[in-house]
């Protein structure tokens, strides 16, 4: 299967190309991206699944500092993000209604959670298949501990790869994630909101932690507590079980194949002239 990070693709194209916030332009951009990745990977990986961020966020419930400041940055941006998200969400709904693809938007979680759970489900007996994740989010590299999961970055225009997915994840947990406002494990929860300088982590410490069979034996109580904090926020297997179940139930309940007949009339109604010329690449 091809798992497309819908929100990531739509937002990155708006930011990189700096296109005008015009419904028709954004719709064409999103649909053409989907067509392109489907054409490129369908033969090897199968059909696409389109995944968007849901409302609410379980990570913010347990760690209020998570992604703190994103709204302020967008408020200060020259892009009208309220209008941008209105159009992005509208097009997502149009795709759900008119295209023969499974679309996923689950309350309480990010696209990361959904993509990871669906990809990990292919490890279950009888469900194995090749998976291509289309996203520039490096968090997904941790899933490459399974040989059937690969990732393509639309921004980098290349495959994202790692020689050791387990170590990549561990180092990510140790160092935290500045963009998501998750401090490193030597620093307190309020490092980012209060402007507290993080305690630097040396490579020597990383090496000791990597080599340890039991992290509690090489970390003090506070550091281990912060390690658990970061692991919960960064490790994609840590999504709450209730949400994981909802993801699979939502995925398995969908049967969109009857929408094949809706694609052509939809493109006509939206005056997508250029996309009509390659309508077969959508179905």
Protein backbone atom coordinates (compact mmCIF):
# COMPACT_ATOMS: atom_id res chain seq x y z
CA UNK A 1 0.00 0.00 0.00
CA UNK A 2 0.96 3.64 -0.43
CA UNK A 3 0.33 5.74 2.69
CA UNK A 4 0.16 9.43 1.78
CA UNK A 5 0.67 12.10 4.45
CA UNK A 6 -2.07 14.36 3.09
CA UNK A 7 -1.58 17.27 5.48
CA UNK A 8 2.17 17.27 5.00
CA UNK A 9 1.96 17.27 1.21
CA UNK A 10 -0.70 20.00 1.05
CA UNK A 11 1.00 22.30 3.55
CA UNK A 12 4.52 21.87 2.19
CA UNK A 13 3.39 22.68 -1.34
CA UNK A 14 1.67 25.86 -0.15
CA UNK A 15 4.78 26.96 1.76
CA UNK A 16 7.41 26.00 -0.80
CA UNK A 17 5.59 27.22 -3.90
CA UNK A 18 3.98 30.19 -2.13
CA UNK A 19 0.89 29.78 -4.26
CA UNK A 20 -2.10 32.06 -3.96
CA UNK A 21 -4.87 30.77 -1.72
CA UNK A 22 -7.15 29.90 -4.58
CA UNK A 23 -9.41 26.85 -4.23
CA UNK A 24 -8.87 25.72 -7.79
CA UNK A 25 -5.08 26.01 -7.65
CA UNK A 26 -4.79 24.21 -4.32
CA UNK A 27 -7.24 21.51 -5.42
CA UNK A 28 -5.25 20.90 -8.61
CA UNK A 29 -1.98 20.84 -6.65
CA UNK A 30 -3.24 18.25 -4.16
CA UNK A 31 -4.93 16.02 -6.72
CA UNK A 32 -1.97 16.15 -9.08
CA UNK A 33 0.38 15.13 -6.25
CA UNK A 34 -1.84 12.16 -5.44
CA UNK A 35 -1.98 11.18 -9.11
CA UNK A 36 1.80 11.45 -9.41
CA UNK A 37 2.60 9.27 -6.38
CA UNK A 38 -0.04 6.72 -7.31
CA UNK A 39 1.37 6.45 -10.84
CA UNK A 40 4.92 6.18 -9.52
CA UNK A 41 4.37 3.51 -6.85
CA UNK A 42 1.14 1.60 -7.53
CA UNK A 43 2.72 -1.20 -9.53
CA UNK A 44 5.06 -2.17 -6.67
CA UNK A 45 3.11 -1.10 -3.60
CA UNK A 46 -0.57 -1.28 -4.51
CA UNK A 47 -3.35 1.21 -3.85
CA UNK A 48 -3.09 4.49 -1.94
CA UNK A 49 -4.48 5.43 1.46
CA UNK A 50 -4.77 9.15 2.17
CA UNK A 51 -4.17 10.16 5.79
CA UNK A 52 -4.83 13.54 7.41
CA UNK A 53 -4.47 14.92 10.93
CA UNK A 54 -7.58 14.55 13.06
CA UNK A 55 -9.02 17.09 15.47
CA UNK A 56 -7.63 16.93 19.00
CA UNK A 57 -4.27 15.46 19.94
CA UNK A 58 -3.60 12.87 22.62
CA UNK A 59 0.01 14.06 22.96
CA UNK A 60 -1.13 17.53 24.00
CA UNK A 61 -3.37 15.91 26.60
CA UNK A 62 -0.38 14.33 28.34
CA UNK A 63 2.20 17.02 27.47
CA UNK A 64 0.63 20.48 26.99
CA UNK A 65 3.91 21.91 25.70
CA UNK A 66 3.75 19.64 22.62
CA UNK A 67 4.00 21.76 19.43
CA UNK A 68 3.46 24.84 21.56
CA UNK A 69 3.85 27.98 19.50
CA UNK A 70 2.66 26.55 16.16
CA UNK A 71 -0.49 28.69 16.25
CA UNK A 72 1.49 31.83 17.06
CA UNK A 73 3.88 31.18 14.17
CA UNK A 74 0.97 30.75 11.79
CA UNK A 75 -0.74 33.88 13.10
CA UNK A 76 2.45 35.82 12.27
CA UNK A 77 2.80 34.19 8.85
CA UNK A 78 1.84 36.09 5.67
CA UNK A 79 -0.21 33.02 4.68
CA UNK A 80 -3.87 33.05 5.72
CA UNK A 81 -3.79 29.66 7.44
CA UNK A 82 -7.46 29.74 8.41
CA UNK A 83 -8.37 29.91 4.73
CA UNK A 84 -5.64 27.44 3.77
CA UNK A 85 -6.93 24.81 6.19
CA UNK A 86 -10.51 25.42 5.10
CA UNK A 87 -9.54 24.58 1.52
CA UNK A 88 -7.29 21.66 2.51
CA UNK A 89 -10.06 20.10 4.60
CA UNK A 90 -12.65 20.74 1.90
CA UNK A 91 -10.56 18.95 -0.73
CA UNK A 92 -9.98 16.04 1.66
CA UNK A 93 -13.75 15.65 2.01
CA UNK A 94 -14.15 15.83 -1.78
CA UNK A 95 -11.58 13.06 -2.21
CA UNK A 96 -13.39 10.90 0.36
CA UNK A 97 -16.68 11.37 -1.50
CA UNK A 98 -15.46 11.04 -5.09
CA UNK A 99 -12.33 8.88 -5.30
CA UNK A 100 -11.81 5.13 -4.85
CA UNK A 101 -9.29 5.54 -2.03
CA UNK A 102 -9.47 4.90 1.66
CA UNK A 103 -9.16 8.20 3.53
CA UNK A 104 -8.27 8.40 7.20
CA UNK A 105 -8.85 11.22 9.67
CA UNK A 106 -9.22 9.92 13.22
CA UNK A 107 -10.15 12.12 16.16
CA UNK A 108 -7.47 12.57 18.79
CA UNK A 109 -4.43 11.71 16.71
CA UNK A 110 -2.06 12.99 14.07
CA UNK A 111 -1.53 11.49 10.65
CA UNK A 112 1.70 10.01 12.08
CA UNK A 113 -0.28 7.75 14.42
CA UNK A 114 -2.57 6.52 11.67
CA UNK A 115 0.18 5.91 9.13
CA UNK A 116 2.31 4.10 11.70
CA UNK A 117 -0.50 1.85 12.94
CA UNK A 118 -1.61 0.85 9.43
CA UNK A 119 2.00 0.20 8.41
CA UNK A 120 2.70 -1.84 11.55
CA UNK A 121 -0.46 -3.86 10.98
CA UNK A 122 1.25 -5.39 7.93
CA UNK A 123 3.46 -7.30 10.38
CA UNK A 124 0.44 -9.31 11.53
CA UNK A 125 0.03 -12.85 10.22
CA UNK A 126 -1.64 -12.94 6.82
CA UNK A 127 -1.49 -9.13 6.33
CA UNK A 128 2.03 -8.73 4.97
CA UNK A 129 2.46 -6.35 2.04
CA UNK A 130 4.97 -3.82 0.78
CA UNK A 131 4.44 -0.31 2.20
CA UNK A 132 5.57 3.05 0.83
CA UNK A 133 5.06 6.05 3.11
CA UNK A 134 4.96 9.33 1.18
CA UNK A 135 5.97 11.95 3.73
CA UNK A 136 8.92 14.22 4.53
CA UNK A 137 8.46 13.59 8.27
CA UNK A 138 11.60 11.86 9.53
CA UNK A 139 9.67 10.37 12.46
CA UNK A 140 8.67 7.53 10.14
CA UNK A 141 12.27 6.38 9.69
CA UNK A 142 11.86 4.43 12.95
CA UNK A 143 9.41 2.10 11.15
CA UNK A 144 12.17 0.89 8.84
CA UNK A 145 13.12 -1.74 11.36
CA UNK A 146 10.67 -3.74 9.25
CA UNK A 147 12.06 -4.53 5.80
CA UNK A 148 8.72 -4.10 3.98
CA UNK A 149 8.35 -0.41 5.00
CA UNK A 150 9.97 2.33 2.93
CA UNK A 151 9.60 6.12 2.84
CA UNK A 152 9.79 8.77 0.13
CA UNK A 153 10.28 12.45 1.00
CA UNK A 154 8.42 14.85 -1.34
CA UNK A 155 10.51 17.78 -0.07
CA UNK A 156 13.86 16.01 -0.41
CA UNK A 157 12.69 14.16 -3.55
CA UNK A 158 14.44 11.00 -2.35
CA UNK A 159 13.97 7.91 -0.24
CA UNK A 160 14.63 8.40 3.46
CA UNK A 161 16.75 5.55 4.77
CA UNK A 162 18.61 4.52 7.90
CA UNK A 163 21.18 1.84 8.61
CA UNK A 164 19.77 1.16 12.07
CA UNK A 165 16.16 2.19 12.73
CA UNK A 166 16.31 1.16 16.40
CA UNK A 167 19.32 3.38 17.13
CA UNK A 168 17.83 6.22 15.09
CA UNK A 169 14.71 6.12 17.26
CA UNK A 170 16.68 5.92 20.50
CA UNK A 171 18.83 8.92 19.61
CA UNK A 172 15.70 10.86 18.61
CA UNK A 173 14.18 10.09 22.01
CA UNK A 174 17.38 11.12 23.82
CA UNK A 175 17.78 14.40 21.93
CA UNK A 176 14.11 15.35 21.76
CA UNK A 177 12.50 17.29 18.93
CA UNK A 178 12.86 21.07 18.71
CA UNK A 179 10.13 21.49 16.07
CA UNK A 180 7.61 19.69 18.30
CA UNK A 181 8.87 21.46 21.45
CA UNK A 182 10.00 18.20 23.06
CA UNK A 183 13.21 18.89 25.05
CA UNK A 184 16.09 16.45 25.38
CA UNK A 185 16.05 14.05 28.30
CA UNK A 186 18.46 16.14 30.40
CA UNK A 187 16.07 19.10 30.30
CA UNK A 188 12.76 19.90 32.05
CA UNK A 189 9.29 19.91 30.49
CA UNK A 190 9.08 23.71 30.40
CA UNK A 191 12.37 24.27 28.56
CA UNK A 192 10.77 25.68 25.39
CA UNK A 193 7.83 27.72 26.77
CA UNK A 194 9.99 29.33 29.47
CA UNK A 195 13.05 29.83 27.29
CA UNK A 196 15.25 27.65 29.48
CA UNK A 197 18.51 26.63 27.81
CA UNK A 198 18.63 22.88 27.41
CA UNK A 199 21.43 20.92 29.04
CA UNK A 200 23.67 19.74 26.17
CA UNK A 201 23.90 16.01 25.49
CA UNK A 202 27.35 14.76 24.55
CA UNK A 203 28.00 11.90 22.17
CA UNK A 204 29.73 10.12 25.04
CA UNK A 205 26.47 10.05 26.99
CA UNK A 206 24.59 8.85 23.92
CA UNK A 207 27.07 6.00 23.50
CA UNK A 208 26.71 4.94 27.15
CA UNK A 209 22.92 4.96 26.94
CA UNK A 210 22.93 3.09 23.64
CA UNK A 211 25.12 0.35 25.10
CA UNK A 212 23.10 -0.09 28.30
CA UNK A 213 20.89 -3.16 28.77
CA UNK A 214 18.97 -1.31 31.47
CA UNK A 215 18.68 2.47 31.11
CA UNK A 216 17.69 2.85 34.77
CA UNK A 217 21.14 1.64 35.73
CA UNK A 218 22.89 4.43 33.81
CA UNK A 219 20.42 7.30 34.33
CA UNK A 220 19.37 9.18 37.44
CA UNK A 221 15.68 9.27 38.34
CA UNK A 222 14.93 12.57 36.63
CA UNK A 223 16.72 11.67 33.40
CA UNK A 224 14.92 8.33 33.21
CA UNK A 225 11.61 10.08 33.85
CA UNK A 226 12.36 12.44 30.96
CA UNK A 227 13.36 9.50 28.79
CA UNK A 228 9.94 7.94 29.42
CA UNK A 229 8.31 11.30 28.59
CA UNK A 230 10.10 11.53 25.25
CA UNK A 231 9.57 7.89 24.35
CA UNK A 232 5.84 8.31 24.87
CA UNK A 233 5.78 11.35 22.58
CA UNK A 234 8.18 10.17 19.85
CA UNK A 235 7.96 6.37 19.61
CA UNK A 236 5.10 5.65 17.19
CA UNK A 237 4.27 2.37 18.92
CA UNK A 238 3.24 4.35 22.01
CA UNK A 239 -0.10 5.54 20.57
CA UNK A 240 -2.81 4.68 23.16
CA UNK A 241 -4.44 1.31 22.53
CA UNK A 242 -7.93 2.81 22.30
CA UNK A 243 -6.80 5.06 19.44
CA UNK A 244 -4.97 2.20 17.71
CA UNK A 245 -8.19 0.17 17.77
CA UNK A 246 -10.17 3.10 16.36
CA UNK A 247 -7.64 3.47 13.55
CA UNK A 248 -7.94 -0.16 12.47
CA UNK A 249 -11.73 -0.18 12.81
CA UNK A 250 -11.98 2.95 10.64
CA UNK A 251 -9.61 1.54 8.06
CA UNK A 252 -11.31 -1.84 7.77
CA UNK A 253 -14.82 -0.36 7.63
CA UNK A 254 -14.14 1.54 4.40
CA UNK A 255 -15.01 0.18 0.97
CA UNK A 256 -14.51 3.09 -1.46
CA UNK A 257 -14.04 1.13 -4.68
CA UNK A 258 -17.53 2.01 -5.94
CA UNK A 259 -16.38 5.64 -6.21
CA UNK A 260 -14.48 4.88 -9.42
CA UNK A 261 -17.42 6.12 -11.46
CA UNK A 262 -17.45 9.45 -9.65
CA UNK A 263 -13.94 10.58 -10.55
CA UNK A 264 -14.61 11.80 -14.10
CA UNK A 265 -17.81 13.75 -13.28
CA UNK A 266 -16.08 15.28 -10.26
CA UNK A 267 -13.11 16.52 -12.32
CA UNK A 268 -15.55 17.94 -14.88
CA UNK A 269 -17.58 19.73 -12.22
CA UNK A 270 -14.42 21.28 -10.73
CA UNK A 271 -13.10 22.23 -14.19
CA UNK A 272 -9.89 20.28 -13.71
CA UNK A 273 -9.12 20.28 -17.42
CA UNK A 274 -5.50 19.17 -17.19
CA UNK A 275 -6.33 16.35 -14.79
CA UNK A 276 -9.12 15.13 -17.07
CA UNK A 277 -6.45 14.35 -19.65
CA UNK A 278 -4.99 11.73 -17.28
CA UNK A 279 -8.14 10.60 -15.46
CA UNK A 280 -7.18 6.92 -15.85
CA UNK A 281 -4.18 7.51 -13.59
CA UNK A 282 -6.59 8.16 -10.71
CA UNK A 283 -8.51 4.89 -11.09
